[in-house]
N, C-alpha and C. Protein backbone atom coordinates (compact mmCIF):
# COMPACT_ATOMS: atom_id res chain seq x y z
N MET A 1 -3.55 -6.85 -9.14
CA MET A 1 -2.40 -6.25 -8.51
C MET A 1 -1.73 -7.27 -7.62
N SER A 2 -0.45 -7.43 -7.79
CA SER A 2 0.26 -8.48 -7.06
C SER A 2 0.81 -8.02 -5.72
N GLY A 3 0.60 -6.78 -5.34
CA GLY A 3 1.04 -6.33 -4.03
C GLY A 3 2.43 -5.73 -4.00
N ASN A 4 2.88 -5.16 -5.12
CA ASN A 4 4.17 -4.48 -5.07
C ASN A 4 4.00 -3.02 -5.48
N GLY A 5 5.00 -2.23 -5.20
CA GLY A 5 4.92 -0.79 -5.44
C GLY A 5 4.71 -0.42 -6.90
N ASP A 6 5.34 -1.16 -7.81
CA ASP A 6 5.17 -0.85 -9.23
C ASP A 6 3.73 -1.04 -9.67
N ASP A 7 3.13 -2.15 -9.24
CA ASP A 7 1.73 -2.39 -9.58
C ASP A 7 0.82 -1.32 -8.98
N ALA A 8 1.10 -0.93 -7.75
CA ALA A 8 0.29 0.10 -7.10
C ALA A 8 0.40 1.42 -7.86
N LEU A 9 1.58 1.77 -8.29
CA LEU A 9 1.78 3.01 -9.05
C LEU A 9 1.01 3.00 -10.36
N VAL A 10 1.11 1.90 -11.09
CA VAL A 10 0.40 1.79 -12.38
C VAL A 10 -1.10 1.83 -12.17
N THR A 11 -1.58 1.09 -11.17
CA THR A 11 -3.02 1.07 -10.89
C THR A 11 -3.52 2.46 -10.53
N PHE A 12 -2.81 3.14 -9.65
CA PHE A 12 -3.23 4.48 -9.25
C PHE A 12 -3.22 5.45 -10.44
N ALA A 13 -2.20 5.36 -11.28
CA ALA A 13 -2.12 6.23 -12.45
C ALA A 13 -3.30 5.99 -13.40
N MET A 14 -3.65 4.74 -13.61
CA MET A 14 -4.78 4.42 -14.48
C MET A 14 -6.08 4.97 -13.90
N MET A 15 -6.23 4.87 -12.59
CA MET A 15 -7.42 5.41 -11.93
C MET A 15 -7.48 6.92 -12.10
N ALA A 16 -6.34 7.58 -11.85
CA ALA A 16 -6.28 9.05 -11.91
C ALA A 16 -6.54 9.57 -13.32
N GLN A 17 -6.17 8.79 -14.32
CA GLN A 17 -6.34 9.20 -15.72
C GLN A 17 -7.70 8.79 -16.29
N GLY A 18 -8.53 8.19 -15.46
CA GLY A 18 -9.87 7.79 -15.91
C GLY A 18 -9.87 6.62 -16.88
N LYS A 19 -8.88 5.73 -16.75
CA LYS A 19 -8.76 4.60 -17.67
C LYS A 19 -9.38 3.32 -17.11
N MET A 20 -10.24 3.46 -16.09
CA MET A 20 -10.93 2.30 -15.50
C MET A 20 -12.40 2.61 -15.36
N GLU A 21 -13.19 1.55 -15.45
CA GLU A 21 -14.62 1.68 -15.21
C GLU A 21 -14.84 1.93 -13.72
N PRO A 22 -15.92 2.65 -13.36
CA PRO A 22 -16.17 2.96 -11.95
C PRO A 22 -16.19 1.73 -11.03
N ALA A 23 -16.78 0.63 -11.47
CA ALA A 23 -16.82 -0.58 -10.63
C ALA A 23 -15.41 -1.12 -10.40
N GLU A 24 -14.58 -1.05 -11.41
CA GLU A 24 -13.20 -1.52 -11.27
C GLU A 24 -12.41 -0.60 -10.35
N VAL A 25 -12.66 0.71 -10.47
CA VAL A 25 -11.98 1.68 -9.59
C VAL A 25 -12.31 1.37 -8.14
N GLU A 26 -13.58 1.10 -7.86
CA GLU A 26 -13.98 0.82 -6.48
C GLU A 26 -13.27 -0.43 -5.94
N ARG A 27 -13.22 -1.48 -6.75
CA ARG A 27 -12.57 -2.71 -6.32
C ARG A 27 -11.07 -2.51 -6.15
N LYS A 28 -10.44 -1.85 -7.11
CA LYS A 28 -8.98 -1.63 -7.05
C LYS A 28 -8.61 -0.70 -5.91
N TRP A 29 -9.48 0.27 -5.60
CA TRP A 29 -9.19 1.21 -4.51
C TRP A 29 -9.07 0.47 -3.19
N ARG A 30 -9.98 -0.49 -2.98
CA ARG A 30 -9.91 -1.29 -1.74
C ARG A 30 -8.61 -2.08 -1.68
N VAL A 31 -8.19 -2.64 -2.80
CA VAL A 31 -6.93 -3.40 -2.86
C VAL A 31 -5.74 -2.47 -2.59
N LEU A 32 -5.78 -1.27 -3.19
CA LEU A 32 -4.69 -0.30 -2.96
C LEU A 32 -4.60 0.09 -1.49
N LEU A 33 -5.74 0.33 -0.86
CA LEU A 33 -5.72 0.72 0.56
C LEU A 33 -5.11 -0.39 1.42
N GLU A 34 -5.43 -1.65 1.11
CA GLU A 34 -4.82 -2.76 1.84
C GLU A 34 -3.31 -2.79 1.62
N TYR A 35 -2.88 -2.57 0.39
CA TYR A 35 -1.44 -2.54 0.08
C TYR A 35 -0.76 -1.40 0.83
N PHE A 36 -1.36 -0.20 0.79
CA PHE A 36 -0.75 0.96 1.46
C PHE A 36 -0.63 0.72 2.96
N GLU A 37 -1.63 0.07 3.54
CA GLU A 37 -1.57 -0.22 4.97
C GLU A 37 -0.39 -1.13 5.29
N ARG A 38 -0.21 -2.20 4.51
CA ARG A 38 0.92 -3.12 4.75
C ARG A 38 2.24 -2.42 4.49
N ASP A 39 2.30 -1.63 3.43
CA ASP A 39 3.54 -0.94 3.08
C ASP A 39 3.94 0.05 4.17
N THR A 40 2.96 0.79 4.68
CA THR A 40 3.23 1.76 5.75
C THR A 40 3.69 1.05 7.02
N LEU A 41 3.04 -0.04 7.38
CA LEU A 41 3.44 -0.80 8.55
C LEU A 41 4.87 -1.31 8.39
N ALA A 42 5.20 -1.79 7.22
CA ALA A 42 6.56 -2.28 6.97
C ALA A 42 7.58 -1.16 7.15
N MET A 43 7.26 0.03 6.70
CA MET A 43 8.19 1.16 6.86
C MET A 43 8.35 1.54 8.32
N VAL A 44 7.26 1.51 9.09
CA VAL A 44 7.34 1.82 10.52
C VAL A 44 8.26 0.82 11.22
N ILE A 45 8.09 -0.45 10.91
CA ILE A 45 8.93 -1.48 11.53
C ILE A 45 10.39 -1.29 11.12
N LYS A 46 10.62 -1.04 9.85
CA LYS A 46 12.00 -0.86 9.35
C LYS A 46 12.67 0.33 10.05
N ILE A 47 11.99 1.45 10.12
CA ILE A 47 12.57 2.64 10.73
C ILE A 47 12.80 2.42 12.22
N SER A 48 11.89 1.70 12.87
CA SER A 48 12.05 1.40 14.28
C SER A 48 13.34 0.62 14.52
N PHE A 49 13.57 -0.41 13.72
CA PHE A 49 14.78 -1.22 13.88
C PHE A 49 16.03 -0.42 13.52
N GLN A 50 15.93 0.42 12.50
CA GLN A 50 17.09 1.22 12.10
C GLN A 50 17.51 2.19 13.19
N ASN A 51 16.52 2.82 13.81
CA ASN A 51 16.83 3.89 14.76
C ASN A 51 17.09 3.40 16.18
N THR A 52 16.52 2.27 16.56
CA THR A 52 16.64 1.86 17.96
C THR A 52 17.22 0.47 18.13
N PHE A 53 17.19 -0.32 17.08
CA PHE A 53 17.61 -1.71 17.15
C PHE A 53 16.76 -2.51 18.12
N GLU A 54 15.58 -1.97 18.45
CA GLU A 54 14.64 -2.68 19.32
C GLU A 54 13.30 -2.78 18.59
N PRO A 55 12.64 -3.93 18.70
CA PRO A 55 11.34 -4.06 18.04
C PRO A 55 10.31 -3.16 18.70
N ILE A 56 9.33 -2.77 17.94
CA ILE A 56 8.23 -1.98 18.50
C ILE A 56 7.01 -2.88 18.61
N PHE A 57 6.10 -2.53 19.48
CA PHE A 57 4.88 -3.28 19.64
C PHE A 57 3.85 -2.79 18.63
N ILE A 58 3.33 -3.72 17.83
CA ILE A 58 2.30 -3.41 16.85
C ILE A 58 1.04 -4.17 17.26
N PRO A 59 0.01 -3.46 17.74
CA PRO A 59 -1.20 -4.16 18.14
C PRO A 59 -1.89 -4.84 16.93
N ALA A 60 -2.45 -5.98 17.19
CA ALA A 60 -3.12 -6.74 16.12
C ALA A 60 -4.46 -6.13 15.77
């Protein structure tokens, strides 16, 4: 998975349809969770700038 929404969608669909071996599902699930975390953070930052034009503090 290269870290984009299209890849995440395809990966999740394959998992949901049972088209992956359990070991692969476990590995891909961890990758998906990392992607979702970055994607969600990006949306929070985007909405913050859109609504306030001020940066928000994101703890490391």
